[in-house]
C-alpha atoms as a PDB file:
ATOM      1  CA  MET A   1     109.752 -98.760-154.928  1.00  0.00           C
ATOM      2  CA  GLU A   2     106.734 -97.498-153.016  1.00  0.00           C
ATOM      3  CA  ARG A   3     108.724 -97.114-149.748  1.00  0.00           C
ATOM      4  CA  LEU A   4     111.173 -94.744-151.350  1.00  0.00           C
ATOM      5  CA  GLY A   5     108.434 -92.188-152.002  1.00  0.00           C
ATOM      6  CA  ARG A   6     107.015 -92.148-148.478  1.00  0.00           C
ATOM      7  CA  VAL A   7     108.127 -90.790-145.103  1.00  0.00           C
ATOM      8  CA  ARG A   8     107.293 -92.791-142.064  1.00  0.00           C
ATOM      9  CA  PRO A   9     104.840 -91.188-139.585  1.00  0.00           C
ATOM     10  CA  ALA A  10     107.357 -91.490-136.757  1.00  0.00           C
ATOM     11  CA  THR A  11     109.853 -89.418-138.678  1.00  0.00           C
ATOM     12  CA  ILE A  12     107.296 -86.632-139.141  1.00  0.00           C
ATOM     13  CA  VAL A  13     106.570 -86.573-135.401  1.00  0.00           C
ATOM     14  CA  VAL A  14     110.277 -86.242-134.528  1.00  0.00           C
ATOM     15  CA  ILE A  15     110.785 -83.336-136.933  1.00  0.00           C
ATOM     16  CA  ALA A  16     107.741 -81.509-135.603  1.00  0.00           C
ATOM     17  CA  CYS A  17     108.989 -81.889-132.039  1.00  0.00           C
ATOM     18  CA  LEU A  18     112.391 -80.486-132.904  1.00  0.00           C
ATOM     19  CA  VAL A  19     110.807 -77.411-134.461  1.00  0.00           C
ATOM     20  CA  ALA A  20     108.347 -76.910-131.612  1.00  0.00           C
ATOM     21  CA  TYR A  21     111.065 -77.121-128.947  1.00  0.00           C
ATOM     22  CA  SER A  22     113.836 -75.082-130.465  1.00  0.00           C
ATOM     23  CA  PRO A  23     116.003 -73.374-127.765  1.00  0.00           C
ATOM     24  CA  ALA A  24     114.536 -69.891-128.208  1.00  0.00           C
ATOM     25  CA  THR A  25     110.931 -71.125-128.327  1.00  0.00           C
ATOM     26  CA  GLY A  26     111.333 -73.450-125.359  1.00  0.00           C
ATOM     27  CA  ALA A  27     112.915 -70.732-123.234  1.00  0.00           C
ATOM     28  CA  GLN A  28     110.138 -68.285-124.102  1.00  0.00           C
ATOM     29  CA  ARG A  29     107.455 -70.794-123.199  1.00  0.00           C
ATOM     30  CA  ALA A  30     109.219 -71.582-119.914  1.00  0.00           C
ATOM     31  CA  ARG A  31     108.776 -67.881-119.028  1.00  0.00           C
ATOM     32  CA  GLY A  32     105.089 -68.147-119.872  1.00  0.00           C
ATOM     33  CA  GLY A  33     105.278 -65.815-122.904  1.00  0.00           C
ATOM     34  CA  PRO A  34     104.153 -66.338-126.483  1.00  0.00           C
ATOM     35  CA  PRO A  35     106.417 -67.992-129.013  1.00  0.00           C
ATOM     36  CA  VAL A  36     109.090 -65.775-130.547  1.00  0.00           C
ATOM     37  CA  ALA A  37     109.259 -65.572-134.323  1.00  0.00           C
ATOM     38  CA  PRO A  38     112.699 -66.250-135.839  1.00  0.00           C
ATOM     39  CA  ARG A  39     114.720 -63.036-136.253  1.00  0.00           C
ATOM     40  CA  PRO A  40     115.032 -62.139-139.940  1.00  0.00           C
ATOM     41  CA  GLU A  41     118.432 -61.755-141.586  1.00  0.00           C
ATOM     42  CA  PRO A  42     119.519 -58.091-141.562  1.00  0.00           C
ATOM     43  CA  GLN A  43     119.530 -56.640-145.049  1.00  0.00           C
ATOM     44  CA  ARG A  44     122.659 -54.848-146.135  1.00  0.00           C
ATOM     45  CA  SER A  45     121.872 -51.433-147.563  1.00  0.00           C
ATOM     46  CA  ARG A  46     123.543 -50.588-150.848  1.00  0.00           C
ATOM     47  CA  PRO A  47     125.355 -47.196-150.817  1.00  0.00           C
ATOM     48  CA  GLU A  48     123.484 -44.461-152.624  1.00  0.00           C
ATOM     49  CA  PRO A  49     125.145 -43.390-155.880  1.00  0.00           C
ATOM     50  CA  GLN A  50     126.460 -39.851-156.062  1.00  0.00           C
ATOM     51  CA  ARG A  51     124.014 -37.744-158.060  1.00  0.00           C
ATOM     52  CA  PRO A  52     124.562 -34.178-159.288  1.00  0.00           C
ATOM     53  CA  ARG A  53     122.520 -31.497-157.553  1.00  0.00           C
ATOM     54  CA  ALA A  54     119.406 -30.573-159.466  1.00  0.00           C
ATOM     55  CA  ASP A  55     120.090 -26.833-159.103  1.00  0.00           C
ATOM     56  CA  LEU A  56     123.503 -26.970-160.792  1.00  0.00           C
ATOM     57  CA  PHE A  57     123.928 -26.022-164.415  1.00  0.00           C
ATOM     58  CA  ALA A  58     124.089 -29.177-166.503  1.00  0.00           C
ATOM     59  CA  PRO A  59     127.357 -29.660-168.446  1.00  0.00           C
ATOM     60  CA  GLN A  60     125.429 -30.796-171.529  1.00  0.00           C
ATOM     61  CA  ASP A  61     123.756 -27.364-171.671  1.00  0.00           C
ATOM     62  CA  LEU A  62     126.967 -25.338-171.821  1.00  0.00           C
ATOM     63  CA  GLY A  63     126.138 -24.244-175.345  1.00  0.00           C
ATOM     64  CA  LEU A  64     123.444 -21.990-173.863  1.00  0.00           C
ATOM     65  CA  LEU A  65     126.208 -19.930-172.199  1.00  0.00           C
ATOM     66  CA  GLU A  66     128.213 -19.450-175.385  1.00  0.00           C
ATOM     67  CA  THR A  67     125.816 -17.255-177.360  1.00  0.00           C
ATOM     68  CA  PRO A  68     127.480 -15.019-179.970  1.00  0.00           C
ATOM     69  CA  ASP A  69     126.146 -11.819-178.385  1.00  0.00           C
ATOM     70  CA  ARG A  70     127.142 -12.566-174.783  1.00  0.00           C
ATOM     71  CA  ALA A  71     130.145 -10.256-174.816  1.00  0.00           C
ATOM     72  CA  GLN A  72     127.934  -7.409-176.065  1.00  0.00           C
ATOM     73  CA  TRP A  73     125.496  -7.471-173.148  1.00  0.00           C
ATOM     74  CA  GLN A  74     127.714  -8.849-170.357  1.00  0.00           C
ATOM     75  CA  LYS A  75     130.591  -6.403-170.926  1.00  0.00           C
ATOM     76  CA  PRO A  76     133.507  -8.570-169.721  1.00  0.00           C
ATOM     77  CA  GLU A  77     136.063  -5.813-170.318  1.00  0.00           C
ATOM     78  CA  GLN A  78     134.196  -3.363-168.081  1.00  0.00           C
ATOM     79  CA  ILE A  79     133.787  -6.036-165.415  1.00  0.00           C
ATOM     80  CA  MET A  80     137.520  -6.729-165.378  1.00  0.00           C
ATOM     81  CA  ASP A  81     138.248  -2.996-165.294  1.00  0.00           C
ATOM     82  CA  ALA A  82     136.005  -2.583-162.251  1.00  0.00           C
ATOM     83  CA  LEU A  83     137.977  -5.289-160.432  1.00  0.00           C
ATOM     84  CA  GLY A  84     141.327  -3.778-161.389  1.00  0.00           C
ATOM     85  CA  ILE A  85     142.394  -6.894-163.279  1.00  0.00           C
ATOM     86  CA  ALA A  86     145.464  -6.108-165.350  1.00  0.00           C
ATOM     87  CA  ASP A  87     148.581  -7.692-166.810  1.00  0.00           C
ATOM     88  CA  GLY A  88     150.252  -9.890-164.209  1.00  0.00           C
ATOM     89  CA  SER A  89     147.219 -10.129-161.893  1.00  0.00           C
ATOM     90  CA  ILE A  90     146.525 -13.355-160.011  1.00  0.00           C
ATOM     91  CA  VAL A  91     142.804 -14.005-160.178  1.00  0.00           C
ATOM     92  CA  ALA A  92     140.194 -16.733-159.885  1.00  0.00           C
ATOM     93  CA  GLU A  93     136.736 -17.490-161.201  1.00  0.00           C
ATOM     94  CA  VAL A  94     134.360 -19.391-158.902  1.00  0.00           C
ATOM     95  CA  GLY A  95     131.791 -21.449-160.789  1.00  0.00           C
ATOM     96  CA  ALA A  96     133.714 -21.212-164.045  1.00  0.00           C
ATOM     97  CA  ALA A  97     131.453 -23.727-165.863  1.00  0.00           C
ATOM     98  CA  GLY A  98     132.758 -24.085-169.430  1.00  0.00           C
ATOM     99  CA  GLY A  99     135.377 -21.353-169.070  1.00  0.00           C
ATOM    100  CA  TRP A 100     133.833 -18.615-171.250  1.00  0.00           C
ATOM    101  CA  PHE A 101     134.931 -15.884-168.826  1.00  0.00           C
ATOM    102  CA  THR A 102     138.042 -17.771-167.735  1.00  0.00           C
ATOM    103  CA  ILE A 103     139.730 -17.466-171.120  1.00  0.00           C
ATOM    104  CA  ARG A 104     139.048 -13.725-171.153  1.00  0.00           C
ATOM    105  CA  LEU A 105     140.635 -13.414-167.731  1.00  0.00           C
ATOM    106  CA  ALA A 106     143.626 -15.389-168.977  1.00  0.00           C
ATOM    107  CA  ARG A 107     144.143 -13.074-171.922  1.00  0.00           C
ATOM    108  CA  ARG A 108     143.797  -9.989-169.707  1.00  0.00           C
ATOM    109  CA  VAL A 109     146.395 -11.084-167.117  1.00  0.00           C
ATOM    110  CA  GLY A 110     148.772 -12.388-169.780  1.00  0.00           C
ATOM    111  CA  PRO A 111     151.644 -14.847-169.366  1.00  0.00           C
ATOM    112  CA  ASN A 112     152.842 -13.076-166.208  1.00  0.00           C
ATOM    113  CA  GLY A 113     149.518 -13.619-164.463  1.00  0.00           C
ATOM    114  CA  ARG A 114     147.523 -16.615-163.295  1.00  0.00           C
ATOM    115  CA  VAL A 115     143.883 -17.652-163.452  1.00  0.00           C
ATOM    116  CA  TYR A 116     142.372 -20.315-161.207  1.00  0.00           C
ATOM    117  CA  ALA A 117     139.186 -21.694-162.771  1.00  0.00           C
ATOM    118  CA  GLU A 118     137.087 -23.326-160.049  1.00  0.00           C
ATOM    119  CA  ASP A 119     133.985 -25.470-160.309  1.00  0.00           C
ATOM    120  CA  ILE A 120     132.432 -28.211-158.181  1.00  0.00           C
ATOM    121  CA  GLN A 121     131.463 -30.441-161.109  1.00  0.00           C
ATOM    122  CA  PRO A 122     134.258 -32.705-162.406  1.00  0.00           C
ATOM    123  CA  GLU A 123     132.740 -32.590-165.901  1.00  0.00           C
ATOM    124  CA  MET A 124     133.173 -28.813-165.963  1.00  0.00           C
ATOM    125  CA  ILE A 125     136.778 -29.098-164.796  1.00  0.00           C
ATOM    126  CA  ASP A 126     137.546 -31.603-167.557  1.00  0.00           C
ATOM    127  CA  GLY A 127     135.986 -29.264-170.113  1.00  0.00           C
ATOM    128  CA  ILE A 128     138.030 -26.299-168.883  1.00  0.00           C
ATOM    129  CA  LYS A 129     141.254 -28.302-169.111  1.00  0.00           C
ATOM    130  CA  ARG A 130     140.497 -29.275-172.695  1.00  0.00           C
ATOM    131  CA  ARG A 131     139.570 -25.713-173.586  1.00  0.00           C
ATOM    132  CA  VAL A 132     142.676 -24.022-172.215  1.00  0.00           C
ATOM    133  CA  GLN A 133     144.856 -26.665-173.840  1.00  0.00           C
ATOM    134  CA  ARG A 134     143.105 -26.109-177.151  1.00  0.00           C
ATOM    135  CA  GLU A 135     143.508 -22.333-176.859  1.00  0.00           C
ATOM    136  CA  ASN A 136     147.085 -22.578-175.580  1.00  0.00           C
ATOM    137  CA  LEU A 137     146.555 -20.800-172.250  1.00  0.00           C
ATOM    138  CA  PRO A 138     149.139 -22.260-169.857  1.00  0.00           C
ATOM    139  CA  ASN A 139     148.369 -19.580-167.242  1.00  0.00           C
ATOM    140  CA  VAL A 140     145.016 -21.221-166.366  1.00  0.00           C
ATOM    141  CA  PHE A 141     144.803 -23.781-163.557  1.00  0.00           C
ATOM    142  CA  ALA A 142     141.618 -25.782-162.996  1.00  0.00           C
ATOM    143  CA  VAL A 143     140.498 -26.267-159.378  1.00  0.00           C
ATOM    144  CA  LEU A 144     137.848 -28.754-158.222  1.00  0.00           C
ATOM    145  CA  GLY A 145     136.165 -27.109-155.248  1.00  0.00           C
ATOM    146  CA  SER A 146     133.344 -28.110-152.933  1.00  0.00           C
ATOM    147  CA  ALA A 147     129.914 -26.595-152.333  1.00  0.00           C
ATOM    148  CA  SER A 148     131.169 -24.566-149.364  1.00  0.00           C
ATOM    149  CA  ASP A 149     134.888 -24.104-150.133  1.00  0.00           C
ATOM    150  CA  PRO A 150     136.324 -23.288-153.569  1.00  0.00           C
ATOM    151  CA  ARG A 151     139.803 -24.310-152.291  1.00  0.00           C
ATOM    152  CA  LEU A 152     141.543 -21.323-153.824  1.00  0.00           C
ATOM    153  CA  PRO A 153     145.165 -20.422-153.085  1.00  0.00           C
ATOM    154  CA  HIS A 154     145.955 -17.345-151.014  1.00  0.00           C
ATOM    155  CA  GLY A 155     147.294 -14.098-152.427  1.00  0.00           C
ATOM    156  CA  LEU A 156     144.659 -13.390-155.080  1.00  0.00           C
ATOM    157  CA  ASP A 157     144.137  -9.930-156.541  1.00  0.00           C
ATOM    158  CA  ALA A 158     140.538 -10.608-157.556  1.00  0.00           C
ATOM    159  CA  VAL A 159     137.886 -13.339-157.561  1.00  0.00           C
ATOM    160  CA  LEU A 160     134.982 -13.295-159.991  1.00  0.00           C
ATOM    161  CA  ILE A 161     131.613 -15.041-159.577  1.00  0.00           C
ATOM    162  CA  VAL A 162     129.622 -14.769-162.806  1.00  0.00           C
ATOM    163  CA  ASP A 163     126.069 -16.152-163.132  1.00  0.00           C
ATOM    164  CA  ALA A 164     126.787 -18.711-160.409  1.00  0.00           C
ATOM    165  CA  TYR A 165     125.657 -17.093-157.155  1.00  0.00           C
ATOM    166  CA  PRO A 166     122.086 -18.560-157.191  1.00  0.00           C
ATOM    167  CA  GLU A 167     123.591 -22.077-157.260  1.00  0.00           C
ATOM    168  CA  MET A 168     125.426 -21.624-153.949  1.00  0.00           C
ATOM    169  CA  GLU A 169     124.049 -23.716-151.086  1.00  0.00           C
ATOM    170  CA  ASP A 170     125.748 -21.655-148.364  1.00  0.00           C
ATOM    171  CA  PRO A 171     126.952 -18.348-149.842  1.00  0.00           C
ATOM    172  CA  VAL A 172     128.135 -16.917-146.496  1.00  0.00           C
ATOM    173  CA  THR A 173     130.503 -19.810-145.801  1.00  0.00           C
ATOM    174  CA  LEU A 174     131.752 -19.834-149.375  1.00  0.00           C
ATOM    175  CA  LEU A 175     132.372 -16.088-149.378  1.00  0.00           C
ATOM    176  CA  LYS A 176     134.320 -16.402-146.113  1.00  0.00           C
ATOM    177  CA  HIS A 177     136.663 -18.855-147.821  1.00  0.00           C
ATOM    178  CA  VAL A 178     136.967 -16.561-150.826  1.00  0.00           C
ATOM    179  CA  GLU A 179     137.734 -13.597-148.564  1.00  0.00           C
ATOM    180  CA  ALA A 180     140.527 -15.590-146.919  1.00  0.00           C
ATOM    181  CA  SER A 181     142.159 -16.118-150.333  1.00  0.00           C
ATOM    182  CA  LEU A 182     142.405 -12.392-151.121  1.00  0.00           C
ATOM    183  CA  LYS A 183     145.328 -10.053-150.728  1.00  0.00           C
ATOM    184  CA  PRO A 184     144.642  -7.154-148.308  1.00  0.00           C
ATOM    185  CA  GLN A 185     143.472  -4.998-151.221  1.00  0.00           C
ATOM    186  CA  GLY A 186     141.907  -7.869-153.158  1.00  0.00           C
ATOM    187  CA  ARG A 187     138.414  -7.650-154.613  1.00  0.00           C
ATOM    188  CA  ILE A 188     135.464  -9.967-155.219  1.00  0.00           C
ATOM    189  CA  GLY A 189     133.087  -9.325-158.102  1.00  0.00           C
ATOM    190  CA  VAL A 190     129.595 -10.865-158.232  1.00  0.00           C
ATOM    191  CA  VAL A 191     127.797 -10.605-161.571  1.00  0.00           C
ATOM    192  CA  ASP A 192     124.257 -11.873-162.058  1.00  0.00           C
ATOM    193  CA  PHE A 193     120.976 -11.106-163.762  1.00  0.00           C
ATOM    194  CA  ARG A 194     118.801  -8.373-162.361  1.00  0.00           C
ATOM    195  CA  PRO A 195     115.433  -9.400-160.904  1.00  0.00           C
ATOM    196  CA  GLY A 196     112.613  -9.406-163.428  1.00  0.00           C
ATOM    197  CA  SER A 197     112.111 -10.950-166.817  1.00  0.00           C
ATOM    198  CA  GLY A 198     114.012  -8.630-169.138  1.00  0.00           C
ATOM    199  CA  GLY A 199     116.694  -9.766-171.562  1.00  0.00           C
ATOM    200  CA  PRO A 200     118.495 -13.105-171.567  1.00  0.00           C
ATOM    201  CA  GLY A 201     119.078 -15.243-168.513  1.00  0.00           C
ATOM    202  CA  PRO A 202     117.085 -17.574-166.270  1.00  0.00           C
ATOM    203  CA  LEU A 203     113.446 -17.414-165.233  1.00  0.00           C
ATOM    204  CA  PRO A 204     112.510 -14.583-162.841  1.00  0.00           C
ATOM    205  CA  LYS A 205     112.062 -17.004-159.931  1.00  0.00           C
ATOM    206  CA  GLU A 206     115.644 -18.232-160.422  1.00  0.00           C
ATOM    207  CA  ARG A 207     117.222 -14.769-160.178  1.00  0.00           C
ATOM    208  CA  VAL A 208     118.788 -13.312-157.072  1.00  0.00           C
ATOM    209  CA  ASP A 209     118.106  -9.959-155.446  1.00  0.00           C
ATOM    210  CA  PRO A 210     121.368  -7.973-155.299  1.00  0.00           C
ATOM    211  CA  GLN A 211     120.473  -6.873-151.762  1.00  0.00           C
ATOM    212  CA  ALA A 212     120.556 -10.528-150.682  1.00  0.00           C
ATOM    213  CA  VAL A 213     124.087 -10.785-152.091  1.00  0.00           C
ATOM    214  CA  ILE A 214     125.150  -7.654-150.208  1.00  0.00           C
ATOM    215  CA  GLU A 215     123.753  -9.004-146.937  1.00  0.00           C
ATOM    216  CA  ALA A 216     125.451 -12.384-147.373  1.00  0.00           C
ATOM    217  CA  ALA A 217     128.755 -10.681-148.169  1.00  0.00           C
ATOM    218  CA  ALA A 218     128.449  -8.491-145.065  1.00  0.00           C
ATOM    219  CA  ALA A 219     127.815 -11.613-142.959  1.00  0.00           C
ATOM    220  CA  ALA A 220     131.015 -13.054-144.452  1.00  0.00           C
ATOM    221  CA  GLY A 221     132.987  -9.991-143.351  1.00  0.00           C
ATOM    222  CA  LEU A 222     133.115  -8.229-146.730  1.00  0.00           C
ATOM    223  CA  GLN A 223     132.397  -4.611-147.574  1.00  0.00           C
ATOM    224  CA  LEU A 224     130.680  -3.297-150.696  1.00  0.00           C
ATOM    225  CA  THR A 225     133.081  -0.999-152.551  1.00  0.00           C
ATOM    226  CA  ALA A 226     131.431  -0.542-155.953  1.00  0.00           C
ATOM    227  CA  ARG A 227     128.163  -1.216-157.708  1.00  0.00           C
ATOM    228  CA  GLU A 228     127.576  -1.114-161.443  1.00  0.00           C
ATOM    229  CA  THR A 229     124.543  -1.718-163.617  1.00  0.00           C
ATOM    230  CA  LEU A 230     125.108  -3.635-166.842  1.00  0.00           C
ATOM    231  CA  PRO A 231     122.522  -3.894-169.650  1.00  0.00           C
ATOM    232  CA  PHE A 232     120.789  -6.939-168.111  1.00  0.00           C
ATOM    233  CA  GLN A 233     122.864  -7.623-165.018  1.00  0.00           C
ATOM    234  CA  PHE A 234     124.324  -6.109-161.876  1.00  0.00           C
ATOM    235  CA  LEU A 235     127.944  -6.064-160.739  1.00  0.00           C
ATOM    236  CA  LEU A 236     128.787  -5.868-157.045  1.00  0.00           C
ATOM    237  CA  VAL A 237     132.399  -5.412-155.976  1.00  0.00           C
ATOM    238  CA  PHE A 238     133.445  -6.327-152.430  1.00  0.00           C
ATOM    239  CA  GLY A 239     136.667  -5.984-150.484  1.00  0.00           C
ATOM    240  CA  LYS A 240     138.062  -6.600-147.043  1.00  0.00           C
ATOM    241  CA  PRO A 241     136.736  -4.196-144.385  1.00  0.00           C
ATOM    242  CA  ALA A 242     138.387  -0.777-144.670  1.00  0.00           C
ATOM    243  CA  SER A 243     137.423   2.813-145.314  1.00  0.00           C
ATOM    244  CA  ALA A 244     136.181   2.906-148.871  1.00  0.00           C
ATOM    245  CA  THR A 245     134.173   4.878-151.381  1.00  0.00           C
ATOM    246  CA  ILE A 246     131.281   3.078-153.002  1.00  0.00           C
ATOM    247  CA  LYS A 247     131.151   3.878-156.692  1.00  0.00           C
ATOM    248  CA  THR A 248     127.888   3.437-158.535  1.00  0.00           C
ATOM    249  CA  LYS A 249     128.017   3.326-162.307  1.00  0.00           C
ATOM    250  CA  GLU A 250     125.469   2.467-164.961  1.00  0.00           C
ATOM    251  CA  ILE A 251     126.748   1.087-168.236  1.00  0.00           C
ATOM    252  CA  SER A 252     124.581   1.318-171.323  1.00  0.00           C
ATOM    253  CA  SER A 253     124.329  -1.406-173.950  1.00  0.00           C
ATOM    254  CA  SER A 254     126.875   0.525-176.006  1.00  0.00           C
ATOM    255  CA  GLY A 255     129.384   0.286-173.202  1.00  0.00           C
ATOM    256  CA  SER A 256     129.573   3.968-172.281  1.00  0.00           C
ATOM    257  CA  PRO A 257     129.137   4.954-168.614  1.00  0.00           C
ATOM    258  CA  GLN A 258     125.919   6.912-168.102  1.00  0.00           C
ATOM    259  CA  ALA A 259     126.291   8.058-164.516  1.00  0.00           C
ATOM    260  CA  THR A 260     128.747   7.789-161.685  1.00  0.00           C
ATOM    261  CA  ARG A 261     128.094   8.578-158.036  1.00  0.00           C
ATOM    262  CA  ASP A 262     130.565   8.251-155.179  1.00  0.00           C
ATOM    263  CA  ARG A 263     129.495   7.826-151.591  1.00  0.00           C
ATOM    264  CA  ALA A 264     131.954   7.662-148.712  1.00  0.00           C
ATOM    265  CA  THR A 265     131.403   4.718-146.401  1.00  0.00           C
ATOM    266  CA  PRO A 266     133.404   4.876-143.153  1.00  0.00           C
ATOM    267  CA  THR A 267     134.348   1.714-141.357  1.00  0.00           C
ATOM    268  CA  ARG A 268     132.545   1.147-138.104  1.00  0.00           C
ATOM    269  CA  PRO A 269     135.003   1.394-135.190  1.00  0.00           C
ATOM    270  CA  GLN A 270     135.666  -1.796-133.282  1.00  0.00           C
ATOM    271  CA  GLY A 271     133.416  -2.222-130.306  1.00  0.00           C
ATOM    272  CA  ALA A 272     130.871   0.283-131.633  1.00  0.00           C
END
């Protein structure tokens, strides 16, 4: 019984020799170098889960965009008028979120028109699909875009970007893709909160300077054709490069235009 619990000394010596003269260690010692430690097993890295960007509007907060007085201060009818959206128009909204503006576009263009509601968050797309089905709007088509390409079809009369411009990672690239989707006389409307802290909307540091939007649009090959001031927001209308007249209009909280000023803007000749 006692022999079963012991290991003979000779056995211990043999095991120690085998460890001391393993092939890698013996070869290293033959070259006169220090012993080499065994190479550890490579660890397989687990793929990182896809996480939503922190600067995107959270789907669970969509109720903040559906305030009862939004139509009073955002003036959706005037915005659509400025873009020439009418019955039968083919339009799109980039960054449609929960579809508040999308359903108004759908009612404006009617059954003969089409509305493409784009967003880069699948949760928003699912919400838009449920909403248009609930409100019986078969002329709305949800589009899952990417951060740099909204993947819109060609031949659009107008594209609207409402309260979504500050979330764009690369606005120049995105606007280039939007420009490619327009008809020759198509228009892009960018609506966002004016800098400062007045009225509803995000914190001042989260607001965008309209001049930055104009510069990004110019870098994307677009031309400013109209500029309007809403109660708490600005509206910039862009088109493909051509001779145009920039119209500036200020809209009061009651919806009546206060002032209009036209300024001719000639196109710069090629090679100038």
